[in-house]
Amino acid sequence: MKIYARKLSTFIAFVFLFFSLVACEGRYYNKIILTGAFNTNSTVELFTKRPLSDKKRDKIKKDINQILIDLDNLFNIQER
C-alpha cells in the first residue's frame, strides 16, 4: 500500500509541475541599437510578454531615438 501511495504522490507532483510550467509565459527579448549621441553607443533592451511586430518596434526605436537626439541637442556640450 505504501508503494502505491508513493507512486500516486509522485504522479500528482509530476502532473502539478507539468501544468504549472506549461502555464508560464515566456518573455520576448528585443535589442534596439540607437544613434550615437553624447559620444556613446546606446542600446535599449526590451523584455515583453508578447512578441513585438516590426512596425511597433520601429516606432519605439524612432521615438527613443528622437528623445535621445533632443537631449543631445539640449545639452550640447561639444561643437559639431
C-alpha atoms as a PDB file:
ATOM      1  CA  MET A   1       0.000   0.000   0.000  1.00  0.00           C
ATOM      2  CA  LYS A   2       2.899   2.368   0.758  1.00  0.00           C
ATOM      3  CA  ILE A   3       4.300   1.777  -2.711  1.00  0.00           C
ATOM      4  CA  TYR A   4       1.015   2.793  -4.358  1.00  0.00           C
ATOM      5  CA  ALA A   5       0.734   5.885  -2.164  1.00  0.00           C
ATOM      6  CA  ARG A   6       4.289   6.900  -3.027  1.00  0.00           C
ATOM      7  CA  LYS A   7       3.694   6.335  -6.749  1.00  0.00           C
ATOM      8  CA  LEU A   8       0.420   8.261  -6.601  1.00  0.00           C
ATOM      9  CA  SER A   9       2.004  11.192  -4.759  1.00  0.00           C
ATOM     10  CA  THR A  10       4.897  11.239  -7.252  1.00  0.00           C
ATOM     11  CA  PHE A  11       2.449  11.190 -10.155  1.00  0.00           C
ATOM     12  CA  ILE A  12       0.385  14.031  -8.660  1.00  0.00           C
ATOM     13  CA  ALA A  13       3.542  16.086  -8.065  1.00  0.00           C
ATOM     14  CA  PHE A  14       4.657  15.461 -11.666  1.00  0.00           C
ATOM     15  CA  VAL A  15       1.263  16.471 -13.083  1.00  0.00           C
ATOM     16  CA  PHE A  16       1.171  19.610 -10.911  1.00  0.00           C
ATOM     17  CA  LEU A  17       4.699  20.557 -12.002  1.00  0.00           C
ATOM     18  CA  PHE A  18       3.862  19.944 -15.659  1.00  0.00           C
ATOM     19  CA  PHE A  19       0.747  22.122 -15.592  1.00  0.00           C
ATOM     20  CA  SER A  20       2.454  24.888 -13.652  1.00  0.00           C
ATOM     21  CA  LEU A  21       5.329  25.022 -16.148  1.00  0.00           C
ATOM     22  CA  VAL A  22       3.038  24.966 -19.167  1.00  0.00           C
ATOM     23  CA  ALA A  23       1.125  27.939 -17.804  1.00  0.00           C
ATOM     24  CA  CYS A  24       4.280  30.067 -17.566  1.00  0.00           C
ATOM     25  CA  GLU A  25       4.501  32.732 -20.218  1.00  0.00           C
ATOM     26  CA  GLY A  26       7.764  33.292 -21.979  1.00  0.00           C
ATOM     27  CA  ARG A  27       9.401  36.670 -22.287  1.00  0.00           C
ATOM     28  CA  TYR A  28      10.484  38.054 -25.597  1.00  0.00           C
ATOM     29  CA  TYR A  29      13.760  39.918 -25.898  1.00  0.00           C
ATOM     30  CA  ASN A  30      14.330  42.835 -28.264  1.00  0.00           C
ATOM     31  CA  LYS A  31      17.581  44.751 -28.544  1.00  0.00           C
ATOM     32  CA  ILE A  32      17.451  48.189 -30.149  1.00  0.00           C
ATOM     33  CA  ILE A  33      20.658  49.983 -31.114  1.00  0.00           C
ATOM     34  CA  LEU A  34      20.212  53.751 -31.066  1.00  0.00           C
ATOM     35  CA  THR A  35      22.017  56.535 -32.883  1.00  0.00           C
ATOM     36  CA  GLY A  36      25.248  57.800 -31.433  1.00  0.00           C
ATOM     37  CA  ALA A  37      24.674  60.719 -29.092  1.00  0.00           C
ATOM     38  CA  PHE A  38      26.667  62.077 -26.165  1.00  0.00           C
ATOM     39  CA  ASN A  39      29.657  60.273 -27.748  1.00  0.00           C
ATOM     40  CA  THR A  40      28.272  56.903 -26.674  1.00  0.00           C
ATOM     41  CA  ASN A  41      26.774  53.854 -28.297  1.00  0.00           C
ATOM     42  CA  SER A  42      23.341  53.487 -26.785  1.00  0.00           C
ATOM     43  CA  THR A  43      21.324  50.293 -26.714  1.00  0.00           C
ATOM     44  CA  VAL A  44      17.921  49.538 -25.272  1.00  0.00           C
ATOM     45  CA  GLU A  45      16.842  46.060 -24.235  1.00  0.00           C
ATOM     46  CA  LEU A  46      13.105  45.410 -24.174  1.00  0.00           C
ATOM     47  CA  PHE A  47      11.542  42.415 -22.474  1.00  0.00           C
ATOM     48  CA  THR A  48       7.906  41.889 -23.421  1.00  0.00           C
ATOM     49  CA  LYS A  49       5.319  39.218 -22.765  1.00  0.00           C
ATOM     50  CA  ARG A  50       4.206  39.174 -26.398  1.00  0.00           C
ATOM     51  CA  PRO A  51       6.365  39.472 -29.497  1.00  0.00           C
ATOM     52  CA  LEU A  52       6.565  42.951 -30.983  1.00  0.00           C
ATOM     53  CA  SER A  53       5.692  43.500 -34.606  1.00  0.00           C
ATOM     54  CA  ASP A  54       8.308  45.135 -36.803  1.00  0.00           C
ATOM     55  CA  LYS A  55       6.118  48.210 -37.171  1.00  0.00           C
ATOM     56  CA  LYS A  56       5.745  48.656 -33.410  1.00  0.00           C
ATOM     57  CA  ARG A  57       9.445  48.012 -32.755  1.00  0.00           C
ATOM     58  CA  ASP A  58      10.401  50.587 -35.402  1.00  0.00           C
ATOM     59  CA  LYS A  59       8.038  53.151 -33.856  1.00  0.00           C
ATOM     60  CA  ILE A  60       9.545  52.573 -30.396  1.00  0.00           C
ATOM     61  CA  LYS A  61      13.050  52.885 -31.856  1.00  0.00           C
ATOM     62  CA  LYS A  62      12.131  56.103 -33.668  1.00  0.00           C
ATOM     63  CA  ASP A  63      10.576  57.647 -30.537  1.00  0.00           C
ATOM     64  CA  ILE A  64      13.518  56.743 -28.282  1.00  0.00           C
ATOM     65  CA  ASN A  65      15.992  57.987 -30.898  1.00  0.00           C
ATOM     66  CA  GLN A  66      14.146  61.301 -31.099  1.00  0.00           C
ATOM     67  CA  ILE A  67      14.249  61.700 -27.311  1.00  0.00           C
ATOM     68  CA  LEU A  68      17.979  60.926 -27.307  1.00  0.00           C
ATOM     69  CA  ILE A  69      18.698  63.407 -30.117  1.00  0.00           C
ATOM     70  CA  ASP A  70      16.612  66.117 -28.426  1.00  0.00           C
ATOM     71  CA  LEU A  71      18.519  65.628 -25.177  1.00  0.00           C
ATOM     72  CA  ASP A  72      21.820  65.703 -27.036  1.00  0.00           C
ATOM     73  CA  ASN A  73      20.837  68.989 -28.694  1.00  0.00           C
ATOM     74  CA  LEU A  74      19.590  70.446 -25.405  1.00  0.00           C
ATOM     75  CA  PHE A  75      22.790  69.627 -23.530  1.00  0.00           C
ATOM     76  CA  ASN A  76      25.101  70.281 -26.460  1.00  0.00           C
ATOM     77  CA  ILE A  77      28.483  70.148 -24.784  1.00  0.00           C
ATOM     78  CA  GLN A  78      30.614  69.604 -27.864  1.00  0.00           C
ATOM     79  CA  GLU A  79      30.763  71.612 -31.042  1.00  0.00           C
ATOM     80  CA  ARG A  80      29.713  69.602 -34.064  1.00  0.00           C
END
